[in-house]
């Protein structure tokens, strides 16, 4: 799992340097989905948080701003996991969509005073959701094979 997180982190940085702006949020989307789908311990999420905070520092030029939405996700994940069925992909997509909206229209627009256009943000959010769904399905397909304990 940690190697996969590091791969997504490097993928985000590669795309950031290639496109010269933060367009894809692979690590954040995978962290959110991982928190909701699996029962995780705080020791397992430590590397995710460190990588997300480093990413946030490079992209937003402010350290720790990502904790505004990462800590509530970590605190609400067990509650959401017990309420909703874990097998419905629609719930995960709705949660990712709402968190991307909060990130773009609340944090970037009001806290960072960045110009956010609705017409360019919604397609980027949908592209991120499609790509992270494909990555998660591929990860579950190529996951542990056989009966390993």
Protein backbone atom coordinates (compact mmCIF):
# COMPACT_ATOMS: atom_id res chain seq x y z
CA UNK A 1 0.00 0.00 0.00
CA UNK A 2 2.82 2.38 0.82
CA UNK A 3 4.53 1.74 -2.49
CA UNK A 4 1.27 2.48 -4.27
CA UNK A 5 0.93 5.77 -2.34
CA UNK A 6 4.48 6.72 -3.30
CA UNK A 7 3.73 5.89 -6.95
CA UNK A 8 0.66 8.15 -6.93
CA UNK A 9 2.69 10.89 -5.24
CA UNK A 10 5.34 10.71 -7.94
CA UNK A 11 2.63 10.59 -10.62
CA UNK A 12 1.09 13.79 -9.23
CA UNK A 13 4.48 15.50 -9.28
CA UNK A 14 5.26 14.32 -12.79
CA UNK A 15 1.95 15.67 -14.09
CA UNK A 16 2.47 18.88 -12.11
CA UNK A 17 5.82 19.49 -13.78
CA UNK A 18 4.48 18.45 -17.18
CA UNK A 19 1.35 20.64 -17.12
CA UNK A 20 2.83 23.39 -14.89
CA UNK A 21 -0.23 23.43 -12.64
CA UNK A 22 -1.93 21.09 -10.21
CA UNK A 23 -4.57 19.35 -12.28
CA UNK A 24 -4.75 15.79 -11.02
CA UNK A 25 -5.33 14.77 -7.40
CA UNK A 26 -4.54 11.06 -7.51
CA UNK A 27 -3.03 10.73 -4.05
CA UNK A 28 -5.77 12.70 -2.32
CA UNK A 29 -8.56 10.81 -4.09
CA UNK A 30 -6.95 7.47 -3.30
CA UNK A 31 -6.47 8.49 0.35
CA UNK A 32 -10.16 9.39 0.66
CA UNK A 33 -11.30 6.17 -0.98
CA UNK A 34 -8.84 4.11 1.05
CA UNK A 35 -10.08 5.68 4.29
CA UNK A 36 -13.70 4.91 3.47
CA UNK A 37 -13.27 1.42 2.00
CA UNK A 38 -10.86 -0.17 4.46
CA UNK A 39 -10.39 -0.16 8.20
CA UNK A 40 -7.09 1.60 8.66
CA UNK A 41 -4.94 2.28 11.66
CA UNK A 42 -3.36 5.70 12.24
CA UNK A 43 0.08 4.15 11.68
CA UNK A 44 -0.98 3.09 8.17
CA UNK A 45 -2.14 6.57 7.21
CA UNK A 46 0.99 8.36 8.43
CA UNK A 47 2.84 8.12 5.12
CA UNK A 48 -0.29 9.19 3.24
CA UNK A 49 -0.58 12.29 5.41
CA UNK A 50 3.10 13.17 5.07
CA UNK A 51 2.98 12.79 1.28
CA UNK A 52 -0.27 14.77 1.06
CA UNK A 53 1.15 17.58 3.17
CA UNK A 54 4.34 17.70 1.09
CA UNK A 55 2.21 17.79 -2.07
CA UNK A 56 0.04 20.51 -0.60
CA UNK A 57 3.11 22.55 0.33
CA UNK A 58 4.54 22.42 -3.18
CA UNK A 59 1.25 23.09 -4.93
CA UNK A 60 -0.38 25.66 -2.61
CA UNK A 61 2.85 27.09 -1.11
CA UNK A 62 1.34 26.75 2.38
CA UNK A 63 2.13 23.88 4.70
CA UNK A 64 -0.73 22.23 6.55
CA UNK A 65 -3.65 23.74 4.65
CA UNK A 66 -4.66 20.28 3.48
CA UNK A 67 -5.37 19.29 7.06
CA UNK A 68 -8.59 21.33 6.81
CA UNK A 69 -10.20 18.51 4.85
CA UNK A 70 -7.91 15.57 5.69
CA UNK A 71 -8.59 15.48 9.43
CA UNK A 72 -12.41 15.51 9.07
CA UNK A 73 -12.12 12.70 6.52
CA UNK A 74 -10.09 10.61 8.94
CA UNK A 75 -12.51 11.31 11.79
CA UNK A 76 -15.68 10.68 9.75
CA UNK A 77 -14.42 7.60 7.87
CA UNK A 78 -15.44 4.99 10.49
CA UNK A 79 -18.85 6.60 10.86
CA UNK A 80 -19.42 6.77 7.10
CA UNK A 81 -18.16 3.21 6.70
CA UNK A 82 -20.77 1.95 9.19
CA UNK A 83 -23.65 3.90 7.60
CA UNK A 84 -23.17 3.30 3.91
CA UNK A 85 -22.67 0.09 2.03
CA UNK A 86 -19.05 -0.38 1.11
CA UNK A 87 -19.93 -2.02 -2.17
CA UNK A 88 -21.64 0.95 -3.76
CA UNK A 89 -19.26 2.84 -6.00
CA UNK A 90 -21.79 5.66 -6.42
CA UNK A 91 -21.35 6.72 -2.79
CA UNK A 92 -17.58 6.92 -3.18
CA UNK A 93 -17.89 8.94 -6.37
CA UNK A 94 -20.39 11.31 -4.74
CA UNK A 95 -18.05 11.76 -1.76
CA UNK A 96 -15.06 12.42 -4.02
CA UNK A 97 -17.09 14.89 -6.08
CA UNK A 98 -18.24 16.80 -2.99
CA UNK A 99 -14.73 16.91 -1.54
CA UNK A 100 -13.27 18.19 -4.81
CA UNK A 101 -15.97 20.88 -4.88
CA UNK A 102 -15.11 21.88 -1.30
CA UNK A 103 -11.41 21.96 -2.13
CA UNK A 104 -11.82 24.03 -5.27
CA UNK A 105 -14.65 26.39 -4.42
CA UNK A 106 -14.17 26.85 -0.68
CA UNK A 107 -10.49 26.44 0.04
CA UNK A 108 -8.92 27.68 -3.19
CA UNK A 109 -11.43 30.43 -3.87
CA UNK A 110 -12.04 31.83 -0.39
CA UNK A 111 -8.94 30.92 1.61
CA UNK A 112 -6.32 31.27 -1.13
CA UNK A 113 -8.11 33.96 -3.19
CA UNK A 114 -7.52 32.13 -6.46
CA UNK A 115 -9.73 32.68 -9.48
CA UNK A 116 -11.72 29.49 -9.94
CA UNK A 117 -13.91 29.18 -13.00
CA UNK A 118 -16.85 26.80 -12.82
CA UNK A 119 -16.55 25.83 -16.49
CA UNK A 120 -12.97 24.64 -16.18
CA UNK A 121 -13.22 23.08 -12.72
CA UNK A 122 -16.10 20.66 -13.23
CA UNK A 123 -14.47 18.83 -16.19
CA UNK A 124 -11.21 18.53 -14.20
CA UNK A 125 -13.13 17.07 -11.26
CA UNK A 126 -14.89 14.57 -13.51
CA UNK A 127 -11.60 13.58 -15.18
CA UNK A 128 -10.02 13.05 -11.75
CA UNK A 129 -12.95 10.91 -10.63
CA UNK A 130 -12.83 8.74 -13.77
CA UNK A 131 -9.07 8.25 -13.55
CA UNK A 132 -9.07 7.44 -9.83
CA UNK A 133 -11.93 4.97 -10.34
CA UNK A 134 -9.90 3.21 -13.02
CA UNK A 135 -6.78 3.19 -10.82
CA UNK A 136 -8.70 1.77 -7.84
CA UNK A 137 -10.33 -0.92 -9.96
CA UNK A 138 -6.95 -1.88 -11.43
CA UNK A 139 -5.43 -1.98 -7.96
CA UNK A 140 -8.19 -4.26 -6.68
CA UNK A 141 -7.83 -6.44 -9.80
CA UNK A 142 -4.04 -6.74 -9.38
CA UNK A 143 -4.26 -6.99 -5.60
CA UNK A 144 -3.11 -10.01 -3.59
CA UNK A 145 -3.82 -13.22 -5.47
CA UNK A 146 -4.57 -16.50 -3.72
CA UNK A 147 -4.97 -17.15 -0.01
CA UNK A 148 -2.34 -15.05 1.72
CA UNK A 149 -2.72 -14.26 5.38
